[in-house]
Amino acid sequence: MKRQVEAWLKSGILSSHPESNITNTELHNQGTPQGGVISPLLVNIALNGMEVVICHNNKRDIKVIRYADDVVVFSNKEKLITEAYKRLTEFLELRGLNLSLNKTSIGHTMCSTDNPKFNGLEYLGFNFRNVETSIHRGVKNTRGKKQKFKQITMPSRNSVQRHKTNIKRVLKQYKNSPLGAVISRLAQIIRG
């Protein structure tokens, strides 16, 4: 099974063809295309067991959320986060992978006017932010105790900008089309 998965990860998307300028050896180094049908399956196979390594007998203090190759590690203690970061780096190195430096960060979800550095968490196109409020407007924790914050979840600015850009592109493309065709095409984009 391991050899088969390794072959899938390294295989090209096209085979060499007499009329094609691309040879199979050039494609062999490209691997599976991002967003391909089999890509999430292969990522889940390659990263199987990652949660166990990150938590490392601290299931109560560390929580891990993973969606394919996007990972978020939560804890109340920064020390546990930095230890989990080291374990995650070692886990990925054993598989020939590494963390994206421009996407990886350690931060806090609590936003305040005193420290604008913490803008919440960007994950899967959404921004998750905790905002201080009175204890009566706050949320309850898992034990039913009231907290002095509430969580605000909204699409991230980058996601909104991409969506607007996509709509503008379609409107330019369908500039001289009948109204029904424009509405039909925009409905596909808006619904996702």
N, C-alpha and C. Protein backbone atom coordinates (compact mmCIF):
# COMPACT_ATOMS: atom_id res chain seq x y z
N MET A 1 0.83 -1.19 0.00
CA MET A 1 0.00 0.00 0.00
C MET A 1 0.87 1.26 0.00
N LYS A 2 1.96 1.23 0.80
CA LYS A 2 2.83 2.39 0.90
C LYS A 2 3.45 2.73 -0.46
N ARG A 3 3.88 1.71 -1.19
CA ARG A 3 4.47 1.95 -2.53
C ARG A 3 3.44 2.52 -3.49
N GLN A 4 2.19 2.04 -3.39
CA GLN A 4 1.14 2.54 -4.27
C GLN A 4 0.86 4.01 -4.01
N VAL A 5 0.75 4.39 -2.75
CA VAL A 5 0.51 5.80 -2.40
C VAL A 5 1.68 6.66 -2.86
N GLU A 6 2.90 6.18 -2.67
CA GLU A 6 4.08 6.93 -3.12
C GLU A 6 4.06 7.10 -4.63
N ALA A 7 3.62 6.09 -5.35
CA ALA A 7 3.52 6.19 -6.81
C ALA A 7 2.47 7.22 -7.22
N TRP A 8 1.35 7.26 -6.51
CA TRP A 8 0.31 8.26 -6.80
C TRP A 8 0.83 9.67 -6.57
N LEU A 9 1.58 9.86 -5.47
CA LEU A 9 2.10 11.19 -5.15
C LEU A 9 3.08 11.69 -6.20
N LYS A 10 3.83 10.77 -6.81
CA LYS A 10 4.86 11.18 -7.76
C LYS A 10 4.41 11.13 -9.22
N SER A 11 3.25 10.55 -9.49
CA SER A 11 2.82 10.36 -10.87
C SER A 11 2.41 11.67 -11.51
N GLY A 12 2.60 11.76 -12.82
CA GLY A 12 2.19 12.94 -13.58
C GLY A 12 0.72 12.87 -13.95
N ILE A 13 0.20 13.99 -14.47
CA ILE A 13 -1.22 14.00 -14.83
C ILE A 13 -1.43 13.63 -16.29
N LEU A 14 -0.38 13.64 -17.08
CA LEU A 14 -0.45 13.25 -18.49
C LEU A 14 0.65 12.25 -18.78
N SER A 15 0.42 11.39 -19.75
CA SER A 15 1.50 10.51 -20.17
C SER A 15 2.15 11.12 -21.40
N SER A 16 3.36 10.67 -21.70
CA SER A 16 4.03 11.23 -22.87
C SER A 16 3.30 10.81 -24.13
N HIS A 17 3.17 11.72 -25.05
CA HIS A 17 2.43 11.49 -26.28
C HIS A 17 3.30 12.02 -27.41
N PRO A 18 3.30 11.35 -28.57
CA PRO A 18 4.17 11.81 -29.67
C PRO A 18 3.91 13.26 -30.07
N GLU A 19 2.65 13.74 -29.98
CA GLU A 19 2.32 15.09 -30.40
C GLU A 19 2.55 16.12 -29.28
N SER A 20 2.82 15.64 -28.06
CA SER A 20 2.97 16.55 -26.92
C SER A 20 4.42 16.99 -26.78
N ASN A 21 4.62 18.22 -26.33
CA ASN A 21 5.96 18.74 -26.07
C ASN A 21 6.46 18.31 -24.69
N ILE A 22 5.56 17.83 -23.82
CA ILE A 22 5.91 17.48 -22.46
C ILE A 22 6.23 16.00 -22.39
N THR A 23 7.34 15.67 -21.78
CA THR A 23 7.70 14.26 -21.63
C THR A 23 7.22 13.77 -20.27
N ASN A 24 7.14 12.47 -20.13
CA ASN A 24 6.68 11.87 -18.88
C ASN A 24 7.64 12.15 -17.73
N THR A 25 8.94 12.28 -18.02
CA THR A 25 9.91 12.55 -16.95
C THR A 25 9.72 13.95 -16.39
N GLU A 26 9.32 14.92 -17.23
CA GLU A 26 9.06 16.27 -16.71
C GLU A 26 7.85 16.26 -15.79
N LEU A 27 6.83 15.47 -16.12
CA LEU A 27 5.64 15.40 -15.30
C LEU A 27 5.87 14.57 -14.04
N HIS A 28 6.82 13.63 -14.12
CA HIS A 28 7.08 12.75 -12.99
C HIS A 28 7.49 13.54 -11.74
N ASN A 29 8.15 14.66 -11.92
CA ASN A 29 8.61 15.46 -10.79
C ASN A 29 7.54 16.40 -10.26
N GLN A 30 6.39 16.53 -10.94
CA GLN A 30 5.38 17.48 -10.51
C GLN A 30 4.44 16.92 -9.46
N GLY A 31 4.19 15.64 -9.41
CA GLY A 31 3.30 15.05 -8.41
C GLY A 31 1.84 15.27 -8.73
N THR A 32 1.00 15.04 -7.73
CA THR A 32 -0.44 15.15 -7.88
C THR A 32 -0.85 16.62 -7.93
N PRO A 33 -1.76 17.01 -8.83
CA PRO A 33 -2.13 18.42 -8.92
C PRO A 33 -2.90 18.90 -7.69
N GLN A 34 -2.65 20.14 -7.28
CA GLN A 34 -3.37 20.74 -6.16
C GLN A 34 -4.85 20.85 -6.52
N GLY A 35 -5.72 20.44 -5.64
CA GLY A 35 -7.15 20.50 -5.89
C GLY A 35 -7.66 19.34 -6.71
N GLY A 36 -6.80 18.37 -7.01
CA GLY A 36 -7.23 17.20 -7.75
C GLY A 36 -8.16 16.33 -6.91
N VAL A 37 -8.84 15.41 -7.55
CA VAL A 37 -9.82 14.57 -6.87
C VAL A 37 -9.16 13.69 -5.82
N ILE A 38 -7.99 13.18 -6.11
CA ILE A 38 -7.34 12.24 -5.19
C ILE A 38 -6.45 12.95 -4.17
N SER A 39 -6.20 14.23 -4.36
CA SER A 39 -5.30 14.97 -3.48
C SER A 39 -5.69 14.93 -2.00
N PRO A 40 -6.97 15.19 -1.61
CA PRO A 40 -7.31 15.11 -0.19
C PRO A 40 -7.12 13.72 0.41
N LEU A 41 -7.42 12.68 -0.37
CA LEU A 41 -7.22 11.32 0.11
C LEU A 41 -5.75 11.06 0.40
N LEU A 42 -4.89 11.47 -0.51
CA LEU A 42 -3.46 11.24 -0.33
C LEU A 42 -2.91 12.03 0.85
N VAL A 43 -3.40 13.25 1.03
CA VAL A 43 -2.95 14.05 2.18
C VAL A 43 -3.38 13.39 3.48
N ASN A 44 -4.62 12.90 3.54
CA ASN A 44 -5.09 12.24 4.75
C ASN A 44 -4.31 10.97 5.05
N ILE A 45 -3.91 10.24 4.02
CA ILE A 45 -3.10 9.04 4.22
C ILE A 45 -1.72 9.43 4.73
N ALA A 46 -1.12 10.45 4.10
CA ALA A 46 0.24 10.86 4.48
C ALA A 46 0.28 11.44 5.89
N LEU A 47 -0.77 12.14 6.31
CA LEU A 47 -0.78 12.81 7.61
C LEU A 47 -1.51 12.01 8.69
N ASN A 48 -1.83 10.76 8.41
CA ASN A 48 -2.52 9.94 9.39
C ASN A 48 -1.66 9.81 10.65
N GLY A 49 -2.26 10.03 11.81
CA GLY A 49 -1.54 9.92 13.08
C GLY A 49 -0.94 11.22 13.57
N MET A 50 -1.10 12.29 12.79
CA MET A 50 -0.51 13.57 13.16
C MET A 50 -1.11 14.10 14.46
N GLU A 51 -2.41 13.94 14.66
CA GLU A 51 -3.07 14.45 15.86
C GLU A 51 -2.50 13.80 17.12
N VAL A 52 -2.22 12.51 17.05
CA VAL A 52 -1.67 11.79 18.20
C VAL A 52 -0.29 12.32 18.54
N VAL A 53 0.53 12.57 17.53
CA VAL A 53 1.88 13.09 17.75
C VAL A 53 1.83 14.49 18.34
N ILE A 54 0.94 15.34 17.84
CA ILE A 54 0.85 16.72 18.33
C ILE A 54 0.39 16.75 19.78
N CYS A 55 -0.65 16.00 20.10
CA CYS A 55 -1.20 16.03 21.47
C CYS A 55 -0.24 15.43 22.48
N HIS A 56 0.43 14.36 22.13
CA HIS A 56 1.47 13.75 22.96
C HIS A 56 1.06 13.65 24.43
N ASN A 57 0.03 12.88 24.69
CA ASN A 57 -0.49 12.64 26.04
C ASN A 57 -1.07 13.89 26.71
N ASN A 58 -1.40 14.93 25.95
CA ASN A 58 -2.02 16.13 26.50
C ASN A 58 -3.36 16.40 25.84
N LYS A 59 -4.19 15.38 25.69
CA LYS A 59 -5.47 15.56 25.00
C LYS A 59 -6.37 16.56 25.69
N ARG A 60 -6.18 16.75 26.98
CA ARG A 60 -7.02 17.69 27.72
C ARG A 60 -6.57 19.13 27.47
N ASP A 61 -5.25 19.35 27.29
CA ASP A 61 -4.71 20.71 27.17
C ASP A 61 -4.51 21.17 25.73
N ILE A 62 -4.42 20.24 24.78
CA ILE A 62 -4.19 20.59 23.37
C ILE A 62 -5.31 20.01 22.53
N LYS A 63 -5.83 20.83 21.62
CA LYS A 63 -6.85 20.38 20.66
C LYS A 63 -6.33 20.63 19.26
N VAL A 64 -6.59 19.69 18.36
CA VAL A 64 -6.12 19.78 16.98
C VAL A 64 -7.31 19.68 16.05
N ILE A 65 -7.36 20.59 15.08
CA ILE A 65 -8.36 20.54 14.02
C ILE A 65 -7.60 20.46 12.71
N ARG A 66 -7.94 19.46 11.89
CA ARG A 66 -7.26 19.30 10.60
C ARG A 66 -8.30 19.07 9.52
N TYR A 67 -8.16 19.81 8.43
CA TYR A 67 -8.97 19.59 7.24
C TYR A 67 -8.00 19.42 6.09
N ALA A 68 -7.80 18.19 5.65
CA ALA A 68 -6.79 17.83 4.65
C ALA A 68 -5.43 18.31 5.14
N ASP A 69 -4.82 19.31 4.49
CA ASP A 69 -3.49 19.76 4.90
C ASP A 69 -3.50 21.04 5.73
N ASP A 70 -4.67 21.54 6.09
CA ASP A 70 -4.79 22.73 6.93
C ASP A 70 -4.97 22.30 8.38
N VAL A 71 -4.08 22.77 9.25
CA VAL A 71 -4.06 22.34 10.64
C VAL A 71 -4.10 23.54 11.57
N VAL A 72 -4.89 23.43 12.65
CA VAL A 72 -4.90 24.42 13.71
C VAL A 72 -4.72 23.69 15.03
N VAL A 73 -3.81 24.21 15.87
CA VAL A 73 -3.56 23.63 17.19
C VAL A 73 -3.97 24.66 18.22
N PHE A 74 -4.82 24.27 19.18
CA PHE A 74 -5.32 25.16 20.23
C PHE A 74 -4.79 24.73 21.59
N SER A 75 -4.47 25.70 22.41
CA SER A 75 -4.12 25.46 23.81
C SER A 75 -4.16 26.77 24.57
N ASN A 76 -4.36 26.68 25.88
CA ASN A 76 -4.33 27.87 26.73
C ASN A 76 -2.91 28.26 27.08
N LYS A 77 -1.96 27.34 26.87
CA LYS A 77 -0.58 27.56 27.28
C LYS A 77 0.33 27.65 26.06
N GLU A 78 1.04 28.76 25.96
CA GLU A 78 1.92 28.97 24.80
C GLU A 78 3.05 27.94 24.77
N LYS A 79 3.51 27.50 25.92
CA LYS A 79 4.57 26.49 25.98
C LYS A 79 4.14 25.20 25.27
N LEU A 80 2.90 24.77 25.48
CA LEU A 80 2.40 23.56 24.82
C LEU A 80 2.30 23.75 23.31
N ILE A 81 1.96 24.95 22.88
CA ILE A 81 1.88 25.24 21.45
C ILE A 81 3.26 25.13 20.81
N THR A 82 4.28 25.71 21.43
CA THR A 82 5.63 25.65 20.86
C THR A 82 6.16 24.22 20.84
N GLU A 83 5.84 23.42 21.87
CA GLU A 83 6.23 22.01 21.86
C GLU A 83 5.51 21.25 20.75
N ALA A 84 4.23 21.53 20.57
CA ALA A 84 3.46 20.89 19.50
C ALA A 84 4.02 21.28 18.14
N TYR A 85 4.45 22.54 17.99
CA TYR A 85 5.05 23.01 16.74
C TYR A 85 6.31 22.19 16.41
N LYS A 86 7.15 21.95 17.43
CA LYS A 86 8.37 21.17 17.22
C LYS A 86 8.04 19.73 16.82
N ARG A 87 7.07 19.13 17.53
CA ARG A 87 6.68 17.75 17.20
C ARG A 87 6.08 17.65 15.81
N LEU A 88 5.29 18.65 15.43
CA LEU A 88 4.68 18.66 14.10
C LEU A 88 5.75 18.79 13.02
N THR A 89 6.74 19.64 13.25
CA THR A 89 7.84 19.81 12.29
C THR A 89 8.59 18.50 12.10
N GLU A 90 8.89 17.81 13.20
CA GLU A 90 9.58 16.52 13.11
C GLU A 90 8.73 15.48 12.39
N PHE A 91 7.43 15.45 12.68
CA PHE A 91 6.51 14.52 12.04
C PHE A 91 6.49 14.73 10.53
N LEU A 92 6.45 15.98 10.10
CA LEU A 92 6.41 16.28 8.67
C LEU A 92 7.74 15.98 7.98
N GLU A 93 8.86 16.24 8.68
CA GLU A 93 10.17 15.97 8.09
C GLU A 93 10.36 14.49 7.79
N LEU A 94 9.82 13.62 8.65
CA LEU A 94 9.91 12.17 8.40
C LEU A 94 9.20 11.78 7.11
N ARG A 95 8.23 12.58 6.68
CA ARG A 95 7.47 12.29 5.47
C ARG A 95 7.93 13.13 4.28
N GLY A 96 9.01 13.89 4.46
CA GLY A 96 9.53 14.72 3.38
C GLY A 96 8.71 15.98 3.15
N LEU A 97 7.99 16.44 4.17
CA LEU A 97 7.15 17.62 4.06
C LEU A 97 7.64 18.69 5.04
N ASN A 98 7.16 19.92 4.87
CA ASN A 98 7.48 20.97 5.82
C ASN A 98 6.33 21.97 5.91
N LEU A 99 6.34 22.78 6.96
CA LEU A 99 5.31 23.79 7.16
C LEU A 99 5.56 24.99 6.26
N SER A 100 4.51 25.59 5.75
CA SER A 100 4.62 26.81 4.97
C SER A 100 4.90 27.96 5.94
N LEU A 101 6.04 28.62 5.78
CA LEU A 101 6.43 29.67 6.71
C LEU A 101 5.53 30.90 6.62
N ASN A 102 4.99 31.20 5.43
CA ASN A 102 4.13 32.38 5.32
C ASN A 102 2.71 32.12 5.80
N LYS A 103 2.31 30.85 5.97
CA LYS A 103 0.97 30.54 6.47
C LYS A 103 0.97 30.14 7.94
N THR A 104 2.14 29.82 8.48
CA THR A 104 2.23 29.34 9.85
C THR A 104 2.46 30.50 10.81
N SER A 105 1.66 30.54 11.86
CA SER A 105 1.84 31.57 12.88
C SER A 105 1.31 31.09 14.22
N ILE A 106 1.82 31.70 15.28
CA ILE A 106 1.33 31.44 16.62
C ILE A 106 0.70 32.74 17.09
N GLY A 107 -0.54 32.66 17.51
CA GLY A 107 -1.24 33.87 17.91
C GLY A 107 -2.30 33.59 18.94
N HIS A 108 -3.12 34.58 19.14
CA HIS A 108 -4.18 34.52 20.15
C HIS A 108 -5.48 34.91 19.46
N THR A 109 -6.58 34.27 19.82
CA THR A 109 -7.85 34.59 19.18
C THR A 109 -8.57 35.74 19.86
N MET A 110 -8.11 36.14 21.04
CA MET A 110 -8.75 37.24 21.76
C MET A 110 -8.27 38.57 21.17
N CYS A 111 -9.20 39.36 20.67
CA CYS A 111 -8.87 40.65 20.09
C CYS A 111 -9.17 41.74 21.10
N SER A 112 -8.32 42.73 21.13
CA SER A 112 -8.57 43.87 22.00
C SER A 112 -7.99 45.11 21.35
N THR A 113 -8.47 46.27 21.78
CA THR A 113 -7.96 47.52 21.23
C THR A 113 -6.54 47.79 21.74
N ASP A 114 -6.18 47.17 22.88
CA ASP A 114 -4.84 47.36 23.43
C ASP A 114 -3.78 46.70 22.57
N ASN A 115 -4.11 45.57 21.97
CA ASN A 115 -3.14 44.83 21.18
C ASN A 115 -3.72 44.48 19.82
N PRO A 116 -3.58 45.36 18.82
CA PRO A 116 -4.15 45.08 17.50
C PRO A 116 -3.40 44.01 16.72
N LYS A 117 -2.30 43.51 17.30
CA LYS A 117 -1.51 42.47 16.63
C LYS A 117 -2.33 41.19 16.44
N PHE A 118 -3.18 40.86 17.41
CA PHE A 118 -3.97 39.64 17.34
C PHE A 118 -5.30 39.92 16.66
N ASN A 119 -5.42 39.50 15.43
CA ASN A 119 -6.65 39.71 14.66
C ASN A 119 -7.47 38.44 14.53
N GLY A 120 -7.28 37.52 15.43
CA GLY A 120 -8.04 36.28 15.37
C GLY A 120 -7.34 35.22 14.55
N LEU A 121 -8.10 34.25 14.15
CA LEU A 121 -7.58 33.09 13.43
C LEU A 121 -8.17 33.06 12.02
N GLU A 122 -7.31 32.97 11.01
CA GLU A 122 -7.74 32.77 9.62
C GLU A 122 -7.65 31.29 9.32
N TYR A 123 -8.79 30.66 9.01
CA TYR A 123 -8.79 29.23 8.74
C TYR A 123 -9.88 28.89 7.73
N LEU A 124 -9.51 28.26 6.64
CA LEU A 124 -10.42 27.80 5.60
C LEU A 124 -11.31 28.92 5.07
N GLY A 125 -10.74 30.10 4.91
CA GLY A 125 -11.47 31.22 4.33
C GLY A 125 -12.33 32.00 5.30
N PHE A 126 -12.21 31.71 6.60
CA PHE A 126 -12.98 32.42 7.61
C PHE A 126 -12.05 33.03 8.65
N ASN A 127 -12.54 34.08 9.31
CA ASN A 127 -11.82 34.72 10.40
C ASN A 127 -12.60 34.45 11.68
N PHE A 128 -11.95 33.84 12.66
CA PHE A 128 -12.54 33.53 13.95
C PHE A 128 -11.87 34.45 14.97
N ARG A 129 -12.69 35.21 15.69
CA ARG A 129 -12.16 36.20 16.60
C ARG A 129 -12.97 36.20 17.89
N ASN A 130 -12.30 36.28 19.02
CA ASN A 130 -12.97 36.42 20.31
C ASN A 130 -12.88 37.87 20.72
N VAL A 131 -14.02 38.46 21.11
CA VAL A 131 -14.08 39.86 21.49
C VAL A 131 -14.59 39.96 22.92
N GLU A 132 -13.92 40.80 23.71
CA GLU A 132 -14.31 40.96 25.11
C GLU A 132 -15.69 41.63 25.22
N THR A 133 -16.54 41.08 26.10
CA THR A 133 -17.87 41.64 26.37
C THR A 133 -18.14 41.50 27.86
N SER A 134 -19.32 41.91 28.28
CA SER A 134 -19.70 41.68 29.67
C SER A 134 -19.99 40.20 29.86
N ILE A 135 -19.97 39.76 31.07
CA ILE A 135 -20.18 38.34 31.35
C ILE A 135 -21.58 37.89 30.95
N HIS A 136 -22.54 38.82 30.90
CA HIS A 136 -23.92 38.46 30.55
C HIS A 136 -24.10 38.25 29.05
N ARG A 137 -23.24 38.84 28.24
CA ARG A 137 -23.34 38.68 26.79
C ARG A 137 -22.38 37.63 26.25
N GLY A 138 -21.50 37.15 27.09
CA GLY A 138 -20.49 36.19 26.66
C GLY A 138 -21.04 34.80 26.42
N VAL A 139 -20.18 33.92 26.01
CA VAL A 139 -20.54 32.52 25.73
C VAL A 139 -20.32 31.68 26.98
N LYS A 140 -20.81 30.46 26.95
CA LYS A 140 -20.55 29.52 28.04
C LYS A 140 -19.50 28.52 27.58
N ASN A 141 -18.64 28.11 28.50
CA ASN A 141 -17.66 27.08 28.16
C ASN A 141 -18.32 25.72 28.19
N THR A 142 -17.55 24.66 28.01
CA THR A 142 -18.12 23.31 27.94
C THR A 142 -18.70 22.85 29.26
N ARG A 143 -18.33 23.51 30.35
CA ARG A 143 -18.86 23.14 31.67
C ARG A 143 -20.03 24.04 32.08
N GLY A 144 -20.46 24.95 31.20
CA GLY A 144 -21.60 25.81 31.48
C GLY A 144 -21.26 27.10 32.19
N LYS A 145 -19.97 27.37 32.39
CA LYS A 145 -19.56 28.60 33.07
C LYS A 145 -19.53 29.75 32.05
N LYS A 146 -20.08 30.90 32.44
CA LYS A 146 -20.12 32.04 31.53
C LYS A 146 -18.73 32.66 31.39
N GLN A 147 -18.42 33.05 30.16
CA GLN A 147 -17.13 33.66 29.83
C GLN A 147 -17.33 35.14 29.52
N LYS A 148 -16.24 35.92 29.56
CA LYS A 148 -16.31 37.36 29.30
C LYS A 148 -15.96 37.69 27.86
N PHE A 149 -16.31 36.84 26.94
CA PHE A 149 -16.06 37.11 25.52
C PHE A 149 -17.11 36.43 24.68
N LYS A 150 -17.21 36.87 23.44
CA LYS A 150 -18.06 36.16 22.48
C LYS A 150 -17.25 35.99 21.20
N GLN A 151 -17.58 34.95 20.45
CA GLN A 151 -16.83 34.67 19.23
C GLN A 151 -17.56 35.26 18.04
N ILE A 152 -16.78 35.91 17.19
CA ILE A 152 -17.32 36.46 15.95
C ILE A 152 -16.66 35.69 14.80
N THR A 153 -17.48 35.09 13.96
CA THR A 153 -17.01 34.33 12.81
C THR A 153 -17.53 35.00 11.56
N MET A 154 -16.61 35.31 10.64
CA MET A 154 -17.02 35.94 9.38
C MET A 154 -16.03 35.55 8.29
N PRO A 155 -16.43 35.67 7.03
CA PRO A 155 -15.48 35.36 5.95
C PRO A 155 -14.25 36.26 6.05
N SER A 156 -13.10 35.70 5.73
CA SER A 156 -11.87 36.50 5.78
C SER A 156 -11.86 37.53 4.66
N ARG A 157 -11.08 38.58 4.85
CA ARG A 157 -11.02 39.64 3.84
C ARG A 157 -10.52 39.11 2.50
N ASN A 158 -9.55 38.21 2.53
CA ASN A 158 -9.04 37.64 1.28
C ASN A 158 -10.11 36.84 0.55
N SER A 159 -10.92 36.09 1.28
CA SER A 159 -12.00 35.31 0.66
C SER A 159 -13.03 36.22 0.02
N VAL A 160 -13.40 37.27 0.73
CA VAL A 160 -14.38 38.22 0.19
C VAL A 160 -13.83 38.88 -1.07
N GLN A 161 -12.55 39.27 -1.04
CA GLN A 161 -11.93 39.93 -2.19
C GLN A 161 -11.88 38.99 -3.39
N ARG A 162 -11.53 37.71 -3.16
CA ARG A 162 -11.52 36.74 -4.26
C ARG A 162 -12.91 36.56 -4.85
N HIS A 163 -13.91 36.50 -3.99
CA HIS A 163 -15.29 36.34 -4.44
C HIS A 163 -15.72 37.54 -5.30
N LYS A 164 -15.42 38.75 -4.85
CA LYS A 164 -15.77 39.95 -5.60
C LYS A 164 -15.04 39.99 -6.94
N THR A 165 -13.77 39.62 -6.94
CA THR A 165 -12.99 39.60 -8.18
C THR A 165 -13.58 38.61 -9.18
N ASN A 166 -14.00 37.46 -8.68
CA ASN A 166 -14.61 36.44 -9.53
C ASN A 166 -15.93 36.95 -10.13
N ILE A 167 -16.74 37.64 -9.34
CA ILE A 167 -18.01 38.19 -9.84
C ILE A 167 -17.74 39.27 -10.89
N LYS A 168 -16.75 40.15 -10.65
CA LYS A 168 -16.40 41.19 -11.62
C LYS A 168 -15.96 40.57 -12.94
N ARG A 169 -15.16 39.50 -12.84
CA ARG A 169 -14.68 38.83 -14.06
C ARG A 169 -15.84 38.27 -14.87
N VAL A 170 -16.80 37.66 -14.19
CA VAL A 170 -17.97 37.09 -14.88
C VAL A 170 -18.82 38.19 -15.50
N LEU A 171 -19.01 39.29 -14.78
CA LEU A 171 -19.81 40.40 -15.32
C LEU A 171 -19.17 40.99 -16.58
N LYS A 172 -17.84 41.09 -16.59
CA LYS A 172 -17.15 41.57 -17.80
C LYS A 172 -17.29 40.57 -18.94
N GLN A 173 -17.17 39.29 -18.60
CA GLN A 173 -17.26 38.23 -19.61
C GLN A 173 -18.67 38.16 -20.22
N TYR A 174 -19.71 38.37 -19.42
CA TYR A 174 -21.09 38.27 -19.87
C TYR A 174 -21.70 39.65 -20.14
N LYS A 175 -20.87 40.62 -20.48
CA LYS A 175 -21.31 42.00 -20.66
C LYS A 175 -22.46 42.15 -21.65
N ASN A 176 -22.38 41.49 -22.78
CA ASN A 176 -23.40 41.62 -23.83
C ASN A 176 -24.35 40.43 -23.89
N SER A 177 -24.38 39.63 -22.83
CA SER A 177 -25.24 38.44 -22.80
C SER A 177 -26.63 38.80 -22.30
N PRO A 178 -27.62 37.94 -22.58
CA PRO A 178 -28.97 38.18 -22.05
C PRO A 178 -28.97 38.10 -20.52
N LEU A 179 -29.90 38.81 -19.91
CA LEU A 179 -29.97 38.90 -18.45
C LEU A 179 -30.12 37.52 -17.80
N GLY A 180 -30.88 36.64 -18.38
CA GLY A 180 -31.08 35.29 -17.83
C GLY A 180 -29.78 34.51 -17.73
N ALA A 181 -28.92 34.63 -18.75
CA ALA A 181 -27.63 33.93 -18.75
C ALA A 181 -26.71 34.49 -17.67
N VAL A 182 -26.74 35.83 -17.50
CA VAL A 182 -25.90 36.47 -16.48
C VAL A 182 -26.34 36.02 -15.09
N ILE A 183 -27.65 36.04 -14.84
CA ILE A 183 -28.18 35.64 -13.54
C ILE A 183 -27.88 34.18 -13.26
N SER A 184 -28.03 33.34 -14.26
CA SER A 184 -27.76 31.92 -14.10
C SER A 184 -26.30 31.68 -13.72
N ARG A 185 -25.39 32.36 -14.42
CA ARG A 185 -23.95 32.19 -14.15
C ARG A 185 -23.58 32.75 -12.78
N LEU A 186 -24.12 33.91 -12.42
CA LEU A 186 -23.83 34.49 -11.10
C LEU A 186 -24.39 33.63 -9.99
N ALA A 187 -25.53 33.01 -10.19
CA ALA A 187 -26.13 32.15 -9.18
C ALA A 187 -25.21 30.96 -8.86
N GLN A 188 -24.56 30.43 -9.90
CA GLN A 188 -23.63 29.32 -9.69
C GLN A 188 -22.47 29.75 -8.79
N ILE A 189 -21.95 30.96 -9.02
CA ILE A 189 -20.82 31.46 -8.22
C ILE A 189 -21.25 31.77 -6.80
N ILE A 190 -22.38 32.44 -6.66
CA ILE A 190 -22.83 32.89 -5.34
C ILE A 190 -23.18 31.69 -4.45
N ARG A 191 -23.84 30.69 -5.03
CA ARG A 191 -24.16 29.49 -4.26
C ARG A 191 -22.93 28.67 -3.93
N GLY A 192 -21.89 28.80 -4.74
CA GLY A 192 -20.67 28.03 -4.52
C GLY A 192 -20.78 26.67 -5.11
